[in-house]
């Protein structure tokens, strides 16, 4: 609606505001997932990954907007992108490379799941567990 543009400059600014909100939501959710996992004596890395999966599969249009094309990081709300990965970096003791590995694996998995392209003969839950086990080796190694 035209009245929307009283609040944002253009469509791209609106998209960046939505993406920024999505990143903050991811950060909030990841922090909550880690807190729940630690309180229950469970694996915080698994908790973050499963929450990421729930977020992406549960909000496929938002996730697509957030990840579907190049991102102008300078146009996002200050700190939103860093905040989205804060809980994961803490769980991985600041290992950004390992965090990128987990993000790339998770993105590939949710993209296949959202598109309905995960093979019918495959067990997505088992692949998630195997992928996370491989990433955990990097944490230990």
Protein backbone atom coordinates (compact mmCIF):
# COMPACT_ATOMS: atom_id res chain seq x y z
CA UNK A 1 0.00 0.00 0.00
CA UNK A 2 1.25 3.51 -0.75
CA UNK A 3 1.02 4.49 2.94
CA UNK A 4 3.74 1.96 3.64
CA UNK A 5 6.24 4.19 1.88
CA UNK A 6 5.72 6.87 4.54
CA UNK A 7 7.75 4.53 6.77
CA UNK A 8 10.31 3.09 4.33
CA UNK A 9 12.00 4.59 1.30
CA UNK A 10 11.30 1.83 -1.19
CA UNK A 11 10.68 -1.88 -1.66
CA UNK A 12 14.31 -2.79 -0.98
CA UNK A 13 14.30 -0.84 2.29
CA UNK A 14 11.15 -2.70 3.31
CA UNK A 15 12.78 -6.02 2.47
CA UNK A 16 15.87 -5.10 4.48
CA UNK A 17 13.70 -4.19 7.48
CA UNK A 18 11.91 -7.55 7.23
CA UNK A 19 15.23 -9.40 6.84
CA UNK A 20 16.64 -7.55 9.86
CA UNK A 21 13.62 -8.54 11.94
CA UNK A 22 14.05 -12.14 10.77
CA UNK A 23 17.69 -12.13 11.81
CA UNK A 24 16.80 -10.80 15.25
CA UNK A 25 14.11 -13.47 15.56
CA UNK A 26 16.68 -16.13 14.65
CA UNK A 27 19.06 -14.77 17.28
CA UNK A 28 16.33 -14.76 19.95
CA UNK A 29 15.24 -18.27 19.04
CA UNK A 30 18.79 -19.63 19.02
CA UNK A 31 19.54 -18.14 22.45
CA UNK A 32 16.32 -19.63 23.83
CA UNK A 33 17.10 -23.02 22.25
CA UNK A 34 20.55 -23.06 23.86
CA UNK A 35 19.12 -22.11 27.25
CA UNK A 36 16.49 -24.86 27.05
CA UNK A 37 19.07 -27.43 25.92
CA UNK A 38 21.51 -26.58 28.70
CA UNK A 39 18.74 -26.62 31.33
CA UNK A 40 17.71 -30.09 30.12
CA UNK A 41 21.29 -31.38 29.83
CA UNK A 42 20.93 -31.69 26.05
CA UNK A 43 23.19 -30.75 23.16
CA UNK A 44 22.99 -26.99 22.46
CA UNK A 45 24.38 -27.44 18.93
CA UNK A 46 21.56 -29.83 18.08
CA UNK A 47 19.07 -27.43 19.66
CA UNK A 48 20.25 -24.53 17.51
CA UNK A 49 20.20 -26.64 14.35
CA UNK A 50 16.70 -27.99 15.00
CA UNK A 51 15.41 -24.52 15.82
CA UNK A 52 16.97 -23.18 12.60
CA UNK A 53 15.18 -25.97 10.74
CA UNK A 54 11.86 -25.17 12.45
CA UNK A 55 12.26 -21.47 11.67
CA UNK A 56 13.08 -21.98 8.00
CA UNK A 57 10.52 -24.69 7.27
CA UNK A 58 7.88 -22.89 9.33
CA UNK A 59 8.45 -19.53 7.60
CA UNK A 60 9.60 -20.47 4.09
CA UNK A 61 8.77 -17.12 2.48
CA UNK A 62 10.65 -15.16 5.13
CA UNK A 63 13.54 -17.60 4.96
CA UNK A 64 13.60 -17.29 1.17
CA UNK A 65 13.67 -13.49 1.40
CA UNK A 66 16.52 -13.71 3.91
CA UNK A 67 18.65 -16.10 1.87
CA UNK A 68 17.49 -16.03 -1.72
CA UNK A 69 19.75 -13.37 -3.18
CA UNK A 70 22.81 -11.27 -2.46
CA UNK A 71 22.51 -9.25 0.71
CA UNK A 72 23.66 -5.69 1.18
CA UNK A 73 24.86 -6.05 4.76
CA UNK A 74 25.20 -2.29 5.24
CA UNK A 75 21.47 -1.80 4.66
CA UNK A 76 20.43 -4.12 7.50
CA UNK A 77 19.61 -2.90 10.98
CA UNK A 78 22.90 -2.39 12.82
CA UNK A 79 23.97 -5.55 14.64
CA UNK A 80 21.10 -7.75 13.38
CA UNK A 81 23.26 -10.10 11.35
CA UNK A 82 25.86 -10.52 14.08
CA UNK A 83 23.16 -11.10 16.67
CA UNK A 84 21.61 -13.90 14.59
CA UNK A 85 24.82 -15.94 14.95
CA UNK A 86 25.74 -14.96 18.50
CA UNK A 87 24.41 -18.08 20.27
CA UNK A 88 25.99 -20.38 17.70
CA UNK A 89 29.37 -18.67 17.99
CA UNK A 90 29.19 -19.05 21.78
CA UNK A 91 28.42 -22.78 21.49
CA UNK A 92 31.31 -23.16 19.03
CA UNK A 93 33.72 -21.12 21.20
CA UNK A 94 33.93 -18.42 18.53
CA UNK A 95 34.91 -20.77 15.71
CA UNK A 96 33.40 -18.80 12.81
CA UNK A 97 34.56 -21.27 10.17
CA UNK A 98 32.75 -24.09 11.91
CA UNK A 99 29.71 -21.86 12.29
CA UNK A 100 29.73 -21.24 8.54
CA UNK A 101 30.02 -24.97 7.97
CA UNK A 102 26.95 -25.62 10.12
CA UNK A 103 25.05 -22.77 8.47
CA UNK A 104 25.88 -24.04 4.96
CA UNK A 105 24.82 -27.59 5.87
CA UNK A 106 21.64 -26.36 7.54
CA UNK A 107 20.78 -24.04 4.65
CA UNK A 108 21.17 -26.86 2.15
CA UNK A 109 19.02 -29.17 4.22
CA UNK A 110 16.18 -26.70 4.77
CA UNK A 111 16.27 -25.59 1.14
CA UNK A 112 15.75 -29.20 0.06
CA UNK A 113 13.02 -29.70 2.64
CA UNK A 114 11.17 -26.48 1.78
CA UNK A 115 11.26 -27.28 -1.93
CA UNK A 116 10.06 -30.84 -1.33
CA UNK A 117 13.25 -32.05 -3.00
CA UNK A 118 14.66 -34.21 -0.24
CA UNK A 119 14.76 -37.73 -1.71
CA UNK A 120 11.78 -39.90 -0.80
CA UNK A 121 14.13 -42.75 0.13
CA UNK A 122 16.02 -40.49 2.54
CA UNK A 123 15.48 -39.93 6.22
CA UNK A 124 15.93 -36.19 6.75
CA UNK A 125 16.21 -36.55 10.52
CA UNK A 126 18.99 -39.14 10.11
CA UNK A 127 20.85 -36.89 7.67
CA UNK A 128 20.56 -33.97 10.09
CA UNK A 129 22.02 -36.13 12.87
CA UNK A 130 24.85 -37.41 10.65
CA UNK A 131 25.70 -33.92 9.44
CA UNK A 132 25.75 -32.54 12.96
CA UNK A 133 27.89 -35.45 14.13
CA UNK A 134 30.41 -34.59 11.41
CA UNK A 135 30.37 -30.94 12.43
CA UNK A 136 30.84 -31.92 16.09
CA UNK A 137 34.04 -33.69 15.04
CA UNK A 138 35.26 -30.30 13.95
CA UNK A 139 34.43 -28.90 17.38
CA UNK A 140 36.41 -31.66 19.06
CA UNK A 141 39.23 -31.56 16.53
